[in-house]
Protein backbone atom coordinates (compact mmCIF):
# COMPACT_ATOMS: atom_id res chain seq x y z
CA UNK A 1 72.95 -49.58 -25.13
CA UNK A 2 70.09 -47.07 -25.21
CA UNK A 3 69.38 -47.54 -21.50
CA UNK A 4 73.07 -46.96 -20.74
CA UNK A 5 73.01 -43.87 -22.96
CA UNK A 6 70.03 -42.42 -21.13
CA UNK A 7 71.73 -42.83 -17.74
CA UNK A 8 75.36 -42.13 -18.62
CA UNK A 9 77.28 -39.05 -17.47
CA UNK A 10 78.16 -36.60 -20.25
CA UNK A 11 81.62 -37.92 -21.27
CA UNK A 12 80.39 -41.52 -21.38
CA UNK A 13 77.18 -40.50 -23.16
CA UNK A 14 79.16 -38.89 -25.97
CA UNK A 15 81.11 -42.10 -26.54
CA UNK A 16 78.00 -44.28 -26.27
CA UNK A 17 76.10 -42.03 -28.68
CA UNK A 18 78.92 -42.32 -31.21
CA UNK A 19 79.00 -46.11 -30.76
CA UNK A 20 75.25 -46.33 -31.32
CA UNK A 21 75.47 -44.19 -34.46
CA UNK A 22 78.28 -46.39 -35.80
CA UNK A 23 76.07 -49.44 -35.31
CA UNK A 24 73.07 -47.72 -36.88
CA UNK A 25 75.26 -46.79 -39.87
CA UNK A 26 76.19 -50.42 -40.51
CA UNK A 27 73.76 -52.04 -42.92
CA UNK A 28 75.44 -55.42 -42.69
CA UNK A 29 76.49 -55.18 -46.34
CA UNK A 30 79.87 -53.73 -47.36
CA UNK A 31 78.39 -52.53 -50.66
CA UNK A 32 75.50 -50.72 -48.94
CA UNK A 33 77.86 -49.25 -46.35
CA UNK A 34 79.98 -47.91 -49.22
CA UNK A 35 76.92 -46.28 -50.83
CA UNK A 36 76.10 -44.63 -47.49
CA UNK A 37 79.68 -43.38 -47.09
CA UNK A 38 79.86 -42.06 -50.64
CA UNK A 39 76.46 -40.40 -50.31
CA UNK A 40 77.51 -38.69 -47.09
CA UNK A 41 80.84 -37.68 -48.66
CA UNK A 42 78.99 -36.15 -51.62
CA UNK A 43 76.82 -34.13 -49.20
CA UNK A 44 79.90 -32.91 -47.34
CA UNK A 45 81.39 -31.80 -50.66
CA UNK A 46 78.17 -29.97 -51.55
CA UNK A 47 77.18 -32.31 -54.38
CA UNK A 48 73.56 -32.88 -53.38
CA UNK A 49 72.57 -34.33 -56.76
CA UNK A 50 75.22 -37.04 -56.49
CA UNK A 51 74.28 -37.66 -52.86
CA UNK A 52 70.63 -38.15 -53.85
CA UNK A 53 71.64 -40.54 -56.63
CA UNK A 54 73.85 -42.64 -54.34
CA UNK A 55 71.44 -42.62 -51.43
CA UNK A 56 68.55 -43.41 -53.77
CA UNK A 57 70.44 -46.50 -54.91
CA UNK A 58 71.01 -47.37 -51.25
CA UNK A 59 67.32 -47.12 -50.32
CA UNK A 60 66.38 -49.10 -53.46
CA UNK A 61 68.77 -51.95 -52.63
CA UNK A 62 68.45 -51.87 -48.82
CA UNK A 63 64.88 -50.71 -48.09
CA UNK A 64 65.03 -52.00 -44.50
CA UNK A 65 68.16 -49.99 -43.64
CA UNK A 66 66.83 -47.09 -41.57
CA UNK A 67 69.99 -44.99 -41.72
CA UNK A 68 69.87 -45.02 -45.53
CA UNK A 69 66.46 -43.34 -45.44
CA UNK A 70 67.69 -40.87 -42.83
CA UNK A 71 70.74 -39.94 -44.90
CA UNK A 72 68.64 -39.45 -48.02
CA UNK A 73 66.19 -37.28 -46.07
CA UNK A 74 69.08 -35.01 -45.11
CA UNK A 75 70.11 -34.76 -48.77
CA UNK A 76 66.54 -33.94 -49.80
CA UNK A 77 66.35 -31.24 -47.12
CA UNK A 78 69.62 -29.72 -48.34
CA UNK A 79 68.13 -29.64 -51.83
CA UNK A 80 65.10 -27.78 -50.45
CA UNK A 81 62.79 -30.74 -51.08
CA UNK A 82 61.01 -30.82 -47.73
CA UNK A 83 58.18 -33.18 -48.73
CA UNK A 84 60.47 -36.02 -49.83
CA UNK A 85 62.73 -35.30 -46.84
CA UNK A 86 59.79 -35.73 -44.48
CA UNK A 87 58.68 -38.91 -46.28
CA UNK A 88 62.14 -40.45 -45.90
CA UNK A 89 62.33 -39.49 -42.23
CA UNK A 90 58.96 -41.13 -41.67
CA UNK A 91 60.27 -44.33 -43.28
CA UNK A 92 63.52 -44.18 -41.29
CA UNK A 93 61.74 -43.71 -37.98
CA UNK A 94 59.21 -46.46 -38.76
CA UNK A 95 62.19 -48.81 -39.16
CA UNK A 96 64.09 -47.50 -36.11
CA UNK A 97 62.13 -45.22 -33.78
CA UNK A 98 65.09 -44.80 -31.38
CA UNK A 99 67.46 -43.26 -33.93
CA UNK A 100 68.07 -40.00 -32.09
CA UNK A 101 69.91 -38.48 -35.05
CA UNK A 102 66.89 -39.07 -37.31
CA UNK A 103 64.54 -37.65 -34.66
CA UNK A 104 66.84 -34.62 -34.38
CA UNK A 105 66.67 -34.24 -38.18
CA UNK A 106 62.88 -34.36 -37.92
CA UNK A 107 63.00 -31.53 -35.38
CA UNK A 108 65.27 -29.48 -37.61
CA UNK A 109 63.00 -30.06 -40.60
CA UNK A 110 59.90 -29.10 -38.62
CA UNK A 111 61.68 -25.97 -37.44
CA UNK A 112 62.63 -25.16 -41.04
CA UNK A 113 59.01 -25.41 -42.22
CA UNK A 114 57.76 -23.17 -39.40
CA UNK A 115 56.40 -25.69 -36.91
CA UNK A 116 58.32 -24.87 -33.72
CA UNK A 117 55.86 -26.67 -31.42
CA UNK A 118 56.32 -29.96 -33.26
CA UNK A 119 60.05 -29.35 -33.56
CA UNK A 120 60.28 -28.90 -29.79
CA UNK A 121 58.42 -32.19 -29.31
CA UNK A 122 60.89 -33.98 -31.57
CA UNK A 123 63.85 -32.41 -29.76
CA UNK A 124 62.35 -33.44 -26.41
CA UNK A 125 62.17 -37.03 -27.69
CA UNK A 126 65.86 -36.85 -28.58
CA UNK A 127 66.68 -35.51 -25.11
CA UNK A 128 64.77 -38.42 -23.55
CA UNK A 129 66.91 -40.90 -25.50
CA UNK A 130 70.25 -39.02 -25.38
CA UNK A 131 70.15 -36.36 -22.62
CA UNK A 132 73.68 -35.15 -23.40
CA UNK A 133 73.22 -34.62 -27.15
CA UNK A 134 74.63 -31.09 -27.38
CA UNK A 135 72.77 -30.03 -30.52
CA UNK A 136 69.39 -30.88 -29.02
CA UNK A 137 70.13 -28.92 -25.86
CA UNK A 138 70.92 -25.87 -27.99
CA UNK A 139 67.82 -26.40 -30.14
CA UNK A 140 65.55 -26.61 -27.09
CA UNK A 141 67.10 -23.44 -25.67
CA UNK A 142 66.60 -21.66 -29.00
CA UNK A 143 62.95 -22.70 -29.20
CA UNK A 144 62.06 -21.72 -25.63
CA UNK A 145 61.54 -18.13 -26.73
CA UNK A 146 59.49 -19.21 -29.74
CA UNK A 147 57.29 -21.83 -28.10
CA UNK A 148 55.14 -20.36 -25.36
CA UNK A 149 52.93 -22.41 -23.08
CA UNK A 150 54.52 -25.70 -24.10
CA UNK A 151 56.42 -27.89 -21.68
CA UNK A 152 59.83 -28.60 -23.09
């Protein structure tokens, strides 16, 4: 699917990207999928503490589920805990290095901590996997002014 995503025209790429993310969000366990859903719902409702609790349970019970680590990293970042967020992203990407959403999150986190060069590299990796990922196109455009002398 990733090869098709890389070569697909924009409308097809959007659908393929969504399909890939649905697959990446399926742990294979209904209970773990429910923890992921509830953790994400808690984040959407602004309850970061609950999200961290639920996603912590998820990573404890499904340590090989990359998207669980990614989701918890997002919750940590929202709580302003950049170190743990980075640690969880590292774990997520070690388990699934093609997860373009996790790589995008890495870019956003690097941008947040004032490392635009590294953020641009992460965003470029996302663009190589999913060339029509709108958020990464905008991020690369935004960083062009900040990052001088770096090929994006």
